[in-house]
């Protein structure tokens, strides 16, 4: 994405979370959180605005696009104007989910529709609802494309995308 520099840092912090108090005995579970990425502005000064997560694509119910995705067929949906993403946004963050897939494979999500993508955004086995947090550039017209790739040509899946934020050029 132009204007952004992704920095990978790995950090571990330990927290104690009370699970269940019982008869004066407190039980605790340890949780671990890893921070994997964050964005810092570069010379272009792009600015990130977080949003309350909003579902802008759910092929199961016709939000954004209707009907299942078939293997090797890119589909494009509007992002700007949906879920609080304004015109002029150059990229978004969100949660991409695959569900009800008939075969294992991967999803590609990006600004350009590609029936034969050269990279994956979310890899998954068969019959496993799986999600992945993404940061992805938008097309010049404010859209995103998703392609389901599977070794099985007749494979289908449903796709869900919840937008969680957007980037706009600095002023």
C-alpha atoms as a PDB file:
ATOM      1  CA  UNK A   1       0.000   0.000   0.000  1.00  0.00           C
ATOM      2  CA  UNK A   2       1.387   3.345  -0.961  1.00  0.00           C
ATOM      3  CA  UNK A   3       1.950   5.621   1.965  1.00  0.00           C
ATOM      4  CA  UNK A   4       2.306   2.948   4.605  1.00  0.00           C
ATOM      5  CA  UNK A   5       5.177   1.014   5.985  1.00  0.00           C
ATOM      6  CA  UNK A   6       4.245  -2.232   7.725  1.00  0.00           C
ATOM      7  CA  UNK A   7       6.590  -3.077  10.560  1.00  0.00           C
ATOM      8  CA  UNK A   8       6.720  -6.557  12.031  1.00  0.00           C
ATOM      9  CA  UNK A   9       7.397  -6.686  15.720  1.00  0.00           C
ATOM     10  CA  UNK A  10       6.832  -9.633  17.963  1.00  0.00           C
ATOM     11  CA  UNK A  11       6.119  -9.019  21.589  1.00  0.00           C
ATOM     12  CA  UNK A  12       4.734 -11.176  24.349  1.00  0.00           C
ATOM     13  CA  UNK A  13       2.914  -9.888  27.400  1.00  0.00           C
ATOM     14  CA  UNK A  14       1.503 -12.133  30.073  1.00  0.00           C
ATOM     15  CA  UNK A  15      -1.824 -11.370  31.706  1.00  0.00           C
ATOM     16  CA  UNK A  16      -3.818 -13.025  34.452  1.00  0.00           C
ATOM     17  CA  UNK A  17      -7.538 -13.397  33.905  1.00  0.00           C
ATOM     18  CA  UNK A  18      -9.853 -14.586  36.644  1.00  0.00           C
ATOM     19  CA  UNK A  19     -11.890 -17.499  35.319  1.00  0.00           C
ATOM     20  CA  UNK A  20     -14.119 -18.567  38.197  1.00  0.00           C
ATOM     21  CA  UNK A  21     -14.206 -17.711  41.908  1.00  0.00           C
ATOM     22  CA  UNK A  22     -15.499 -20.688  43.913  1.00  0.00           C
ATOM     23  CA  UNK A  23     -15.766 -20.927  47.691  1.00  0.00           C
ATOM     24  CA  UNK A  24     -13.017 -18.388  48.261  1.00  0.00           C
ATOM     25  CA  UNK A  25     -10.683 -20.126  45.780  1.00  0.00           C
ATOM     26  CA  UNK A  26      -9.741 -18.103  42.741  1.00  0.00           C
ATOM     27  CA  UNK A  27      -8.828 -19.810  39.511  1.00  0.00           C
ATOM     28  CA  UNK A  28      -6.751 -18.026  36.916  1.00  0.00           C
ATOM     29  CA  UNK A  29      -5.947 -18.702  33.312  1.00  0.00           C
ATOM     30  CA  UNK A  30      -2.895 -17.299  31.613  1.00  0.00           C
ATOM     31  CA  UNK A  31      -3.391 -15.592  28.284  1.00  0.00           C
ATOM     32  CA  UNK A  32      -0.792 -14.511  25.783  1.00  0.00           C
ATOM     33  CA  UNK A  33      -1.187 -11.745  23.245  1.00  0.00           C
ATOM     34  CA  UNK A  34       1.207 -11.263  20.363  1.00  0.00           C
ATOM     35  CA  UNK A  35       1.328  -7.971  18.533  1.00  0.00           C
ATOM     36  CA  UNK A  36       2.323  -8.822  14.974  1.00  0.00           C
ATOM     37  CA  UNK A  37       2.063  -5.631  12.945  1.00  0.00           C
ATOM     38  CA  UNK A  38       1.522  -1.941  13.256  1.00  0.00           C
ATOM     39  CA  UNK A  39       1.638   0.961  10.832  1.00  0.00           C
ATOM     40  CA  UNK A  40       3.782   4.037  10.926  1.00  0.00           C
ATOM     41  CA  UNK A  41       3.346   6.960   8.547  1.00  0.00           C
ATOM     42  CA  UNK A  42       5.897   7.392   5.778  1.00  0.00           C
ATOM     43  CA  UNK A  43       6.519  10.486   3.677  1.00  0.00           C
ATOM     44  CA  UNK A  44       3.002  10.410   2.162  1.00  0.00           C
ATOM     45  CA  UNK A  45       1.347  10.772   5.575  1.00  0.00           C
ATOM     46  CA  UNK A  46      -1.544   8.323   5.127  1.00  0.00           C
ATOM     47  CA  UNK A  47      -3.837   8.300   8.161  1.00  0.00           C
ATOM     48  CA  UNK A  48      -5.677   5.321   9.648  1.00  0.00           C
ATOM     49  CA  UNK A  49      -9.201   5.654  11.056  1.00  0.00           C
ATOM     50  CA  UNK A  50     -10.595   2.720  13.075  1.00  0.00           C
ATOM     51  CA  UNK A  51     -14.258   1.769  12.659  1.00  0.00           C
ATOM     52  CA  UNK A  52     -16.704  -0.274  14.671  1.00  0.00           C
ATOM     53  CA  UNK A  53     -16.597  -3.628  12.842  1.00  0.00           C
ATOM     54  CA  UNK A  54     -19.297  -3.692  10.161  1.00  0.00           C
ATOM     55  CA  UNK A  55     -20.181  -6.574   7.849  1.00  0.00           C
ATOM     56  CA  UNK A  56     -20.004  -5.316   4.252  1.00  0.00           C
ATOM     57  CA  UNK A  57     -19.779  -8.714   2.530  1.00  0.00           C
ATOM     58  CA  UNK A  58     -21.696 -11.881   3.392  1.00  0.00           C
ATOM     59  CA  UNK A  59     -22.445 -14.055   0.374  1.00  0.00           C
ATOM     60  CA  UNK A  60     -24.739 -16.276   2.491  1.00  0.00           C
ATOM     61  CA  UNK A  61     -27.337 -13.525   2.874  1.00  0.00           C
ATOM     62  CA  UNK A  62     -26.620 -11.234  -0.080  1.00  0.00           C
ATOM     63  CA  UNK A  63     -24.707  -8.473   1.695  1.00  0.00           C
ATOM     64  CA  UNK A  64     -22.249  -7.009  -0.826  1.00  0.00           C
ATOM     65  CA  UNK A  65     -22.561 -10.020  -3.155  1.00  0.00           C
ATOM     66  CA  UNK A  66     -25.136 -12.812  -3.447  1.00  0.00           C
ATOM     67  CA  UNK A  67     -24.520 -16.528  -3.821  1.00  0.00           C
ATOM     68  CA  UNK A  68     -21.565 -18.806  -3.309  1.00  0.00           C
ATOM     69  CA  UNK A  69     -18.109 -18.193  -4.709  1.00  0.00           C
ATOM     70  CA  UNK A  70     -16.973 -20.759  -7.267  1.00  0.00           C
ATOM     71  CA  UNK A  71     -13.334 -21.741  -7.682  1.00  0.00           C
ATOM     72  CA  UNK A  72     -11.178 -19.672 -10.029  1.00  0.00           C
ATOM     73  CA  UNK A  73     -13.732 -16.896 -10.550  1.00  0.00           C
ATOM     74  CA  UNK A  74     -12.922 -13.423  -9.150  1.00  0.00           C
ATOM     75  CA  UNK A  75     -15.806 -11.397  -7.739  1.00  0.00           C
ATOM     76  CA  UNK A  76     -15.722  -7.682  -6.949  1.00  0.00           C
ATOM     77  CA  UNK A  77     -17.698  -5.720  -4.338  1.00  0.00           C
ATOM     78  CA  UNK A  78     -17.985  -2.052  -3.342  1.00  0.00           C
ATOM     79  CA  UNK A  79     -16.157  -0.947  -0.200  1.00  0.00           C
ATOM     80  CA  UNK A  80     -16.266   2.860  -0.235  1.00  0.00           C
ATOM     81  CA  UNK A  81     -19.681   4.029   0.851  1.00  0.00           C
ATOM     82  CA  UNK A  82     -20.193   0.882   2.955  1.00  0.00           C
ATOM     83  CA  UNK A  83     -19.621   0.390   6.674  1.00  0.00           C
ATOM     84  CA  UNK A  84     -18.326   3.913   7.212  1.00  0.00           C
ATOM     85  CA  UNK A  85     -15.564   3.777   4.575  1.00  0.00           C
ATOM     86  CA  UNK A  86     -15.561   7.154   2.795  1.00  0.00           C
ATOM     87  CA  UNK A  87     -14.884   7.946  -0.849  1.00  0.00           C
ATOM     88  CA  UNK A  88     -11.181   8.661  -1.156  1.00  0.00           C
ATOM     89  CA  UNK A  89     -10.095   5.814   1.149  1.00  0.00           C
ATOM     90  CA  UNK A  90      -7.048   4.054  -0.282  1.00  0.00           C
ATOM     91  CA  UNK A  91      -6.996   0.910   1.879  1.00  0.00           C
ATOM     92  CA  UNK A  92      -8.991  -0.890   4.567  1.00  0.00           C
ATOM     93  CA  UNK A  93      -8.455  -3.242   7.456  1.00  0.00           C
ATOM     94  CA  UNK A  94     -10.887  -6.000   8.271  1.00  0.00           C
ATOM     95  CA  UNK A  95     -11.609  -9.606   9.035  1.00  0.00           C
ATOM     96  CA  UNK A  96     -11.918 -11.995   6.061  1.00  0.00           C
ATOM     97  CA  UNK A  97     -13.793 -15.232   6.787  1.00  0.00           C
ATOM     98  CA  UNK A  98     -14.397 -18.385   4.745  1.00  0.00           C
ATOM     99  CA  UNK A  99     -17.322 -20.677   5.621  1.00  0.00           C
ATOM    100  CA  UNK A 100     -19.232 -23.635   4.159  1.00  0.00           C
ATOM    101  CA  UNK A 101     -16.452 -24.493   1.692  1.00  0.00           C
ATOM    102  CA  UNK A 102     -16.812 -27.720  -0.262  1.00  0.00           C
ATOM    103  CA  UNK A 103     -13.037 -28.172  -0.705  1.00  0.00           C
ATOM    104  CA  UNK A 104      -9.820 -26.925   0.839  1.00  0.00           C
ATOM    105  CA  UNK A 105      -8.042 -24.013  -0.779  1.00  0.00           C
ATOM    106  CA  UNK A 106      -7.356 -20.345  -0.283  1.00  0.00           C
ATOM    107  CA  UNK A 107      -8.879 -16.922  -0.790  1.00  0.00           C
ATOM    108  CA  UNK A 108      -7.138 -14.044  -2.491  1.00  0.00           C
ATOM    109  CA  UNK A 109      -8.340 -10.525  -1.657  1.00  0.00           C
ATOM    110  CA  UNK A 110      -6.976  -7.459  -3.382  1.00  0.00           C
ATOM    111  CA  UNK A 111      -7.679  -4.362  -5.438  1.00  0.00           C
ATOM    112  CA  UNK A 112      -7.497  -6.179  -8.787  1.00  0.00           C
ATOM    113  CA  UNK A 113      -9.783  -9.008  -9.930  1.00  0.00           C
ATOM    114  CA  UNK A 114      -7.632 -12.053 -10.733  1.00  0.00           C
ATOM    115  CA  UNK A 115      -9.043 -15.448 -11.681  1.00  0.00           C
ATOM    116  CA  UNK A 116      -5.559 -16.929 -11.207  1.00  0.00           C
ATOM    117  CA  UNK A 117      -4.061 -15.022  -8.267  1.00  0.00           C
ATOM    118  CA  UNK A 118      -0.364 -15.267  -7.462  1.00  0.00           C
ATOM    119  CA  UNK A 119      -0.754 -15.004  -3.675  1.00  0.00           C
ATOM    120  CA  UNK A 120      -3.140 -16.049  -0.910  1.00  0.00           C
ATOM    121  CA  UNK A 121      -4.796 -14.030   1.828  1.00  0.00           C
ATOM    122  CA  UNK A 122      -6.470 -16.875   3.762  1.00  0.00           C
ATOM    123  CA  UNK A 123      -5.610 -20.597   3.535  1.00  0.00           C
ATOM    124  CA  UNK A 124      -8.019 -23.243   4.835  1.00  0.00           C
ATOM    125  CA  UNK A 125      -8.827 -26.976   4.948  1.00  0.00           C
ATOM    126  CA  UNK A 126     -12.233 -28.336   4.017  1.00  0.00           C
ATOM    127  CA  UNK A 127     -15.171 -27.756   6.394  1.00  0.00           C
ATOM    128  CA  UNK A 128     -13.325 -25.310   8.656  1.00  0.00           C
ATOM    129  CA  UNK A 129     -14.707 -21.828   9.278  1.00  0.00           C
ATOM    130  CA  UNK A 130     -11.567 -19.710   9.289  1.00  0.00           C
ATOM    131  CA  UNK A 131     -10.852 -15.982   9.558  1.00  0.00           C
ATOM    132  CA  UNK A 132      -7.832 -13.749   8.980  1.00  0.00           C
ATOM    133  CA  UNK A 133      -7.214 -10.099   9.766  1.00  0.00           C
ATOM    134  CA  UNK A 134      -6.187  -8.175   6.656  1.00  0.00           C
ATOM    135  CA  UNK A 135      -4.953  -4.771   5.570  1.00  0.00           C
ATOM    136  CA  UNK A 136      -5.544  -4.379   1.842  1.00  0.00           C
ATOM    137  CA  UNK A 137      -5.347  -1.610  -0.754  1.00  0.00           C
ATOM    138  CA  UNK A 138      -8.552  -0.602  -2.532  1.00  0.00           C
ATOM    139  CA  UNK A 139      -8.906  -0.264  -6.292  1.00  0.00           C
ATOM    140  CA  UNK A 140      -9.038   3.301  -7.672  1.00  0.00           C
ATOM    141  CA  UNK A 141     -12.842   2.932  -7.766  1.00  0.00           C
ATOM    142  CA  UNK A 142     -13.078   1.857  -4.089  1.00  0.00           C
ATOM    143  CA  UNK A 143     -13.666  -1.866  -4.614  1.00  0.00           C
ATOM    144  CA  UNK A 144     -12.078  -5.151  -3.523  1.00  0.00           C
ATOM    145  CA  UNK A 145     -11.989  -8.471  -5.353  1.00  0.00           C
ATOM    146  CA  UNK A 146     -12.013 -11.957  -3.873  1.00  0.00           C
ATOM    147  CA  UNK A 147     -11.064 -15.204  -5.610  1.00  0.00           C
ATOM    148  CA  UNK A 148     -11.571 -18.717  -4.203  1.00  0.00           C
ATOM    149  CA  UNK A 149      -8.809 -21.058  -5.349  1.00  0.00           C
ATOM    150  CA  UNK A 150      -9.148 -24.827  -5.012  1.00  0.00           C
ATOM    151  CA  UNK A 151      -7.701 -27.895  -6.698  1.00  0.00           C
ATOM    152  CA  UNK A 152     -11.306 -29.019  -7.190  1.00  0.00           C
ATOM    153  CA  UNK A 153     -12.787 -27.112 -10.129  1.00  0.00           C
ATOM    154  CA  UNK A 154     -16.410 -27.420  -8.979  1.00  0.00           C
ATOM    155  CA  UNK A 155     -15.706 -26.225  -5.416  1.00  0.00           C
ATOM    156  CA  UNK A 156     -17.806 -23.499  -3.769  1.00  0.00           C
ATOM    157  CA  UNK A 157     -17.632 -21.430  -0.594  1.00  0.00           C
ATOM    158  CA  UNK A 158     -19.238 -18.500   1.159  1.00  0.00           C
ATOM    159  CA  UNK A 159     -17.169 -15.437   2.050  1.00  0.00           C
ATOM    160  CA  UNK A 160     -17.654 -12.823   4.802  1.00  0.00           C
ATOM    161  CA  UNK A 161     -15.775  -9.525   5.251  1.00  0.00           C
ATOM    162  CA  UNK A 162     -16.103  -7.198   8.255  1.00  0.00           C
ATOM    163  CA  UNK A 163     -14.417  -3.815   7.762  1.00  0.00           C
ATOM    164  CA  UNK A 164     -12.613  -2.472  10.868  1.00  0.00           C
ATOM    165  CA  UNK A 165     -10.872   0.659   9.586  1.00  0.00           C
ATOM    166  CA  UNK A 166      -9.614   2.629   6.597  1.00  0.00           C
ATOM    167  CA  UNK A 167      -6.668   4.684   5.395  1.00  0.00           C
ATOM    168  CA  UNK A 168      -6.878   8.057   3.646  1.00  0.00           C
ATOM    169  CA  UNK A 169      -4.072  10.107   2.121  1.00  0.00           C
ATOM    170  CA  UNK A 170      -2.595  12.807   4.367  1.00  0.00           C
ATOM    171  CA  UNK A 171      -3.425  16.429   3.732  1.00  0.00           C
END
